Protein backbone atom coordinates (compact mmCIF):
# COMPACT_ATOMS: atom_id res chain seq x y z
CA UNK A 1 177.32 54.89 41.93
CA UNK A 2 175.91 53.34 44.91
CA UNK A 3 172.53 51.40 44.97
CA UNK A 4 170.77 50.77 48.14
CA UNK A 5 169.08 47.06 48.87
CA UNK A 6 165.28 47.09 48.22
CA UNK A 7 163.74 46.44 51.91
CA UNK A 8 160.67 44.13 51.96
CA UNK A 9 157.98 45.89 54.13
CA UNK A 10 156.74 44.22 57.37
CA UNK A 11 153.33 43.13 57.08
CA UNK A 12 152.19 45.41 59.97
CA UNK A 13 153.29 48.23 57.25
CA UNK A 14 151.25 46.91 54.90
CA UNK A 15 148.00 46.94 57.08
CA UNK A 16 148.83 50.05 58.42
CA UNK A 17 148.46 51.58 54.89
CA UNK A 18 146.12 50.19 53.78
CA UNK A 19 143.58 51.24 56.85
CA UNK A 20 145.21 54.49 57.01
CA UNK A 21 144.51 55.10 53.01
CA UNK A 22 140.75 53.70 53.36
CA UNK A 23 140.22 56.34 56.33
CA UNK A 24 142.00 59.27 54.49
CA UNK A 25 139.64 58.78 51.38
CA UNK A 26 136.60 57.68 53.46
CA UNK A 27 136.20 54.21 52.43
CA UNK A 28 136.06 53.48 56.31
CA UNK A 29 133.83 56.46 57.86
CA UNK A 30 134.26 58.82 60.60
CA UNK A 31 132.46 56.48 64.13
CA UNK A 32 132.64 53.44 61.99
CA UNK A 33 133.47 50.17 63.93
CA UNK A 34 135.90 47.80 62.66
CA UNK A 35 135.62 44.55 62.30
CA UNK A 36 136.50 42.44 65.32
CA UNK A 37 140.61 41.34 65.69
CA UNK A 38 139.91 37.93 64.41
CA UNK A 39 137.17 38.78 61.42
CA UNK A 40 139.60 41.68 60.08
CA UNK A 41 142.95 39.67 60.62
CA UNK A 42 141.01 36.57 58.60
CA UNK A 43 139.64 39.53 55.96
CA UNK A 44 143.02 40.29 55.53
CA UNK A 45 145.27 37.04 55.34
CA UNK A 46 147.26 38.27 58.21
CA UNK A 47 148.16 36.93 61.99
CA UNK A 48 146.65 38.87 64.76
CA UNK A 49 149.98 40.16 65.84
CA UNK A 50 150.73 41.90 62.88
CA UNK A 51 147.63 43.40 62.71
CA UNK A 52 147.44 44.20 66.46
CA UNK A 53 150.60 46.44 65.93
CA UNK A 54 149.15 48.20 62.65
CA UNK A 55 146.01 48.89 64.68
CA UNK A 56 148.18 50.17 67.68
CA UNK A 57 149.90 52.36 65.39
CA UNK A 58 147.31 53.83 63.77
CA UNK A 59 145.84 54.54 67.14
CA UNK A 60 148.89 56.23 68.47
CA UNK A 61 148.39 58.71 65.26
CA UNK A 62 144.94 59.53 66.18
CA UNK A 63 143.44 57.54 63.36
CA UNK A 64 141.60 55.02 65.20
CA UNK A 65 140.23 54.91 69.04
CA UNK A 66 139.90 51.49 70.43
CA UNK A 67 137.09 51.34 73.18
CA UNK A 68 137.75 48.43 75.69
CA UNK A 69 134.95 45.69 75.41
CA UNK A 70 133.36 47.35 72.75
CA UNK A 71 135.48 47.46 69.62
CA UNK A 72 137.79 49.95 67.27
CA UNK A 73 136.32 53.08 65.85
CA UNK A 74 137.56 55.47 63.08
CA UNK A 75 138.83 58.60 64.39
CA UNK A 76 137.50 61.87 63.12
CA UNK A 77 140.38 63.74 61.67
CA UNK A 78 139.44 66.87 63.21
CA UNK A 79 138.42 65.76 66.35
CA UNK A 80 141.41 66.30 68.25
CA UNK A 81 141.79 70.23 67.45
CA UNK A 82 138.26 71.20 67.44
CA UNK A 83 137.12 68.90 70.69
CA UNK A 84 139.85 71.00 72.38
CA UNK A 85 138.64 74.01 71.08
CA UNK A 86 135.31 73.09 72.04
CA UNK A 87 135.97 72.96 75.54
CA UNK A 88 136.40 76.45 75.91
CA UNK A 89 133.88 77.71 73.04
CA UNK A 90 130.78 76.41 74.66
CA UNK A 91 131.43 78.43 77.91
CA UNK A 92 130.39 81.28 75.96
CA UNK A 93 126.62 82.05 76.23
CA UNK A 94 126.49 82.87 72.73
CA UNK A 95 128.36 80.11 71.20
CA UNK A 96 125.54 78.04 69.56
CA UNK A 97 124.66 81.37 67.60
CA UNK A 98 128.46 81.17 66.05
CA UNK A 99 127.89 77.78 65.42
CA UNK A 100 124.98 78.08 63.30
CA UNK A 101 126.34 80.82 61.35
CA UNK A 102 129.76 78.22 60.43
CA UNK A 103 126.89 75.57 59.78
CA UNK A 104 124.91 78.19 57.33
CA UNK A 105 128.12 78.21 55.44
CA UNK A 106 128.81 74.75 55.42
CA UNK A 107 125.58 73.38 54.77
CA UNK A 108 124.50 75.78 51.95
CA UNK A 109 127.48 74.46 50.32
CA UNK A 110 126.96 70.93 50.98
CA UNK A 111 123.58 70.70 49.64
CA UNK A 112 124.76 72.38 46.57
CA UNK A 113 127.29 69.86 45.78
CA UNK A 114 125.08 66.73 47.46
CA UNK A 115 122.56 67.76 44.50
CA UNK A 116 125.82 67.01 42.22
CA UNK A 117 127.44 63.97 43.76
CA UNK A 118 124.93 62.21 45.72
CA UNK A 119 124.45 58.65 44.77
CA UNK A 120 121.16 56.94 44.45
CA UNK A 121 121.20 55.23 47.70
CA UNK A 122 122.40 58.62 49.77
CA UNK A 123 119.37 60.27 48.59
CA UNK A 124 117.18 57.30 49.31
CA UNK A 125 118.69 57.62 52.86
CA UNK A 126 117.60 61.16 52.78
CA UNK A 127 113.96 60.49 51.83
CA UNK A 128 114.12 57.66 54.39
CA UNK A 129 114.83 60.58 57.13
CA UNK A 130 112.30 62.55 55.54
CA UNK A 131 109.88 60.16 55.88
CA UNK A 132 110.69 59.75 59.73
CA UNK A 133 110.52 63.61 59.98
CA UNK A 134 107.01 63.33 58.74
CA UNK A 135 105.85 60.38 60.71
CA UNK A 136 107.63 62.17 63.75
CA UNK A 137 105.54 65.00 63.19
CA UNK A 138 102.27 63.24 62.58
CA UNK A 139 102.83 61.78 65.90
CA UNK A 140 103.05 64.91 67.88
CA UNK A 141 107.05 63.68 68.40
CA UNK A 142 110.17 66.16 68.38
CA UNK A 143 112.06 64.26 65.61
CA UNK A 144 115.40 65.89 66.29
CA UNK A 145 117.52 62.72 65.39
CA UNK A 146 116.25 61.84 61.74
CA UNK A 147 116.61 65.68 61.52
CA UNK A 148 120.32 65.54 62.09
CA UNK A 149 120.73 62.27 60.24
CA UNK A 150 119.17 63.87 57.32
CA UNK A 151 121.86 66.49 57.67
CA UNK A 152 124.50 64.41 58.03
CA UNK A 153 123.39 62.39 54.91
CA UNK A 154 124.00 65.32 52.63
CA UNK A 155 127.60 66.09 54.16
CA UNK A 156 128.61 62.37 53.56
CA UNK A 157 127.04 62.90 49.91
CA UNK A 158 129.39 65.56 48.71
CA UNK A 159 132.38 63.35 49.21
CA UNK A 160 134.63 65.51 50.51
CA UNK A 161 136.20 63.87 52.93
CA UNK A 162 137.50 66.97 55.28
CA UNK A 163 134.16 68.25 55.57
CA UNK A 164 132.40 64.51 56.23
CA UNK A 165 135.33 64.81 59.32
CA UNK A 166 134.23 68.14 60.70
CA UNK A 167 130.37 67.73 60.68
CA UNK A 168 131.32 64.15 62.26
CA UNK A 169 132.91 66.04 64.76
CA UNK A 170 130.28 68.66 65.43
CA UNK A 171 127.63 66.08 65.13
CA UNK A 172 126.36 66.10 68.86
CA UNK A 173 126.16 70.15 68.33
CA UNK A 174 123.87 69.78 65.03
CA UNK A 175 121.78 67.02 66.77
CA UNK A 176 121.43 69.19 70.28
CA UNK A 177 120.50 72.10 68.31
CA UNK A 178 118.17 70.45 66.41
CA UNK A 179 116.32 69.23 69.36
CA UNK A 180 116.40 72.50 70.76
CA UNK A 181 114.69 74.44 67.71
CA UNK A 182 112.20 71.45 67.33
CA UNK A 183 111.39 71.87 70.83
CA UNK A 184 110.86 75.35 70.75
CA UNK A 185 108.06 74.71 68.16
CA UNK A 186 107.08 71.62 69.34
CA UNK A 187 103.62 73.26 70.25
CA UNK A 188 103.03 75.21 67.10
CA UNK A 189 101.82 73.07 64.50
CA UNK A 190 102.24 76.00 61.71
CA UNK A 191 105.72 76.48 62.43
CA UNK A 192 106.44 72.82 63.21
CA UNK A 193 104.96 71.89 59.58
CA UNK A 194 107.03 74.86 57.89
CA UNK A 195 110.08 73.03 59.35
CA UNK A 196 109.56 69.81 57.93
CA UNK A 197 108.55 71.54 54.58
CA UNK A 198 111.91 73.53 54.48
CA UNK A 199 113.36 69.69 54.83
CA UNK A 200 111.26 68.72 52.06
CA UNK A 201 112.51 71.43 49.48
CA UNK A 202 115.91 70.70 50.33
CA UNK A 203 115.44 66.98 49.35
CA UNK A 204 113.46 67.48 46.11
CA UNK A 205 116.59 70.07 45.10
CA UNK A 206 119.03 67.27 45.45
CA UNK A 207 116.95 64.66 44.44
CA UNK A 208 116.28 66.58 41.01
CA UNK A 209 120.13 67.01 40.80
CA UNK A 210 119.51 70.93 40.82
CA UNK A 211 122.41 72.54 42.31
CA UNK A 212 120.97 76.13 42.87
CA UNK A 213 117.41 75.30 44.15
CA UNK A 214 119.19 72.81 46.66
CA UNK A 215 121.13 75.66 47.81
CA UNK A 216 118.27 78.24 47.96
CA UNK A 217 116.17 75.59 49.94
CA UNK A 218 119.38 75.30 52.51
CA UNK A 219 120.09 78.60 52.66
CA UNK A 220 116.12 79.20 53.71
CA UNK A 221 116.49 76.62 55.86
CA UNK A 222 119.31 77.76 57.91
CA UNK A 223 118.56 81.37 58.16
CA UNK A 224 115.25 80.05 59.92
CA UNK A 225 116.93 78.07 61.99
CA UNK A 226 119.41 80.81 62.95
CA UNK A 227 116.65 83.43 64.01
CA UNK A 228 115.23 80.55 66.15
CA UNK A 229 118.43 80.00 68.18
CA UNK A 230 119.01 83.46 68.30
CA UNK A 231 115.51 83.94 69.86
CA UNK A 232 116.10 80.84 72.37
CA UNK A 233 119.40 83.06 73.57
CA UNK A 234 117.79 85.89 74.19
CA UNK A 235 114.85 84.87 76.00
CA UNK A 236 117.39 82.47 78.40
CA UNK A 237 119.44 85.15 79.45
C-alpha cells in the first residue's frame, strides 16, 4: 500500500478558506466592507503578500470585489447571475410588477421565519427603522430609505444565507419601488398612514414571535403595494 505525503497548506490557502467560509455562512454579509489590508493582515497574524494572494483568489471567484481607493467588499453570491438577467428584465414595461410578485413570495416567508429566528438586536433595528418611518411621516417626507432598510433587516433575520444574498442583490429595486409607491401616496395622508400601520403590524408580529401574524401582516402589506405598483404602471402607459 502506498501512502501520500502530508502537504502543509500555504498560508494564503488557509486565509482564503477562512474568509470564504465566513462569506458562505453570512458572518461576512453582502456589501460589507473588509478591514484595510494592513488591519486585516494584523488581525489574522499573516503577511500582507499572503493576504493579498488570498484576496485576489476570492475576487477571481466572485466572492469579493475591490473598489480602487475605497476598499474590498463582500460580493453577493447571486449578483452576477441576477445582474445580467436584470439588464434585459428592466427593459420590459411591466418588469416592476413581476418583481413585486416575486418579492411578495420571498417577503411573506421572510416575515414568518424572522418571527421565529430574529435576534433581539435585529428586532431592535426593525423598531428603529419603524420609528424613522414615523418621523418621516410626521414631517411629510417620503421615508423610502427606512422602509427599504426595514425589509432588508427582516431578510437578515431569517438567517437564510441564500435569501440574504438574493435580497441584497435586488435591494436597489426594493428601494426604488418603496420610493415610487410612497411618492404616489405622498399627498394622501390617510393612505400614507395606512402604509406605516402595515409596517407596524409586521413589526408587532415579529416582535411577538408570532409567525402566522407576521406572515399575514406582510401579505396584507405586499398585496397593497402590488396594487399600487400596478396602478403606477397603468397610469404611466
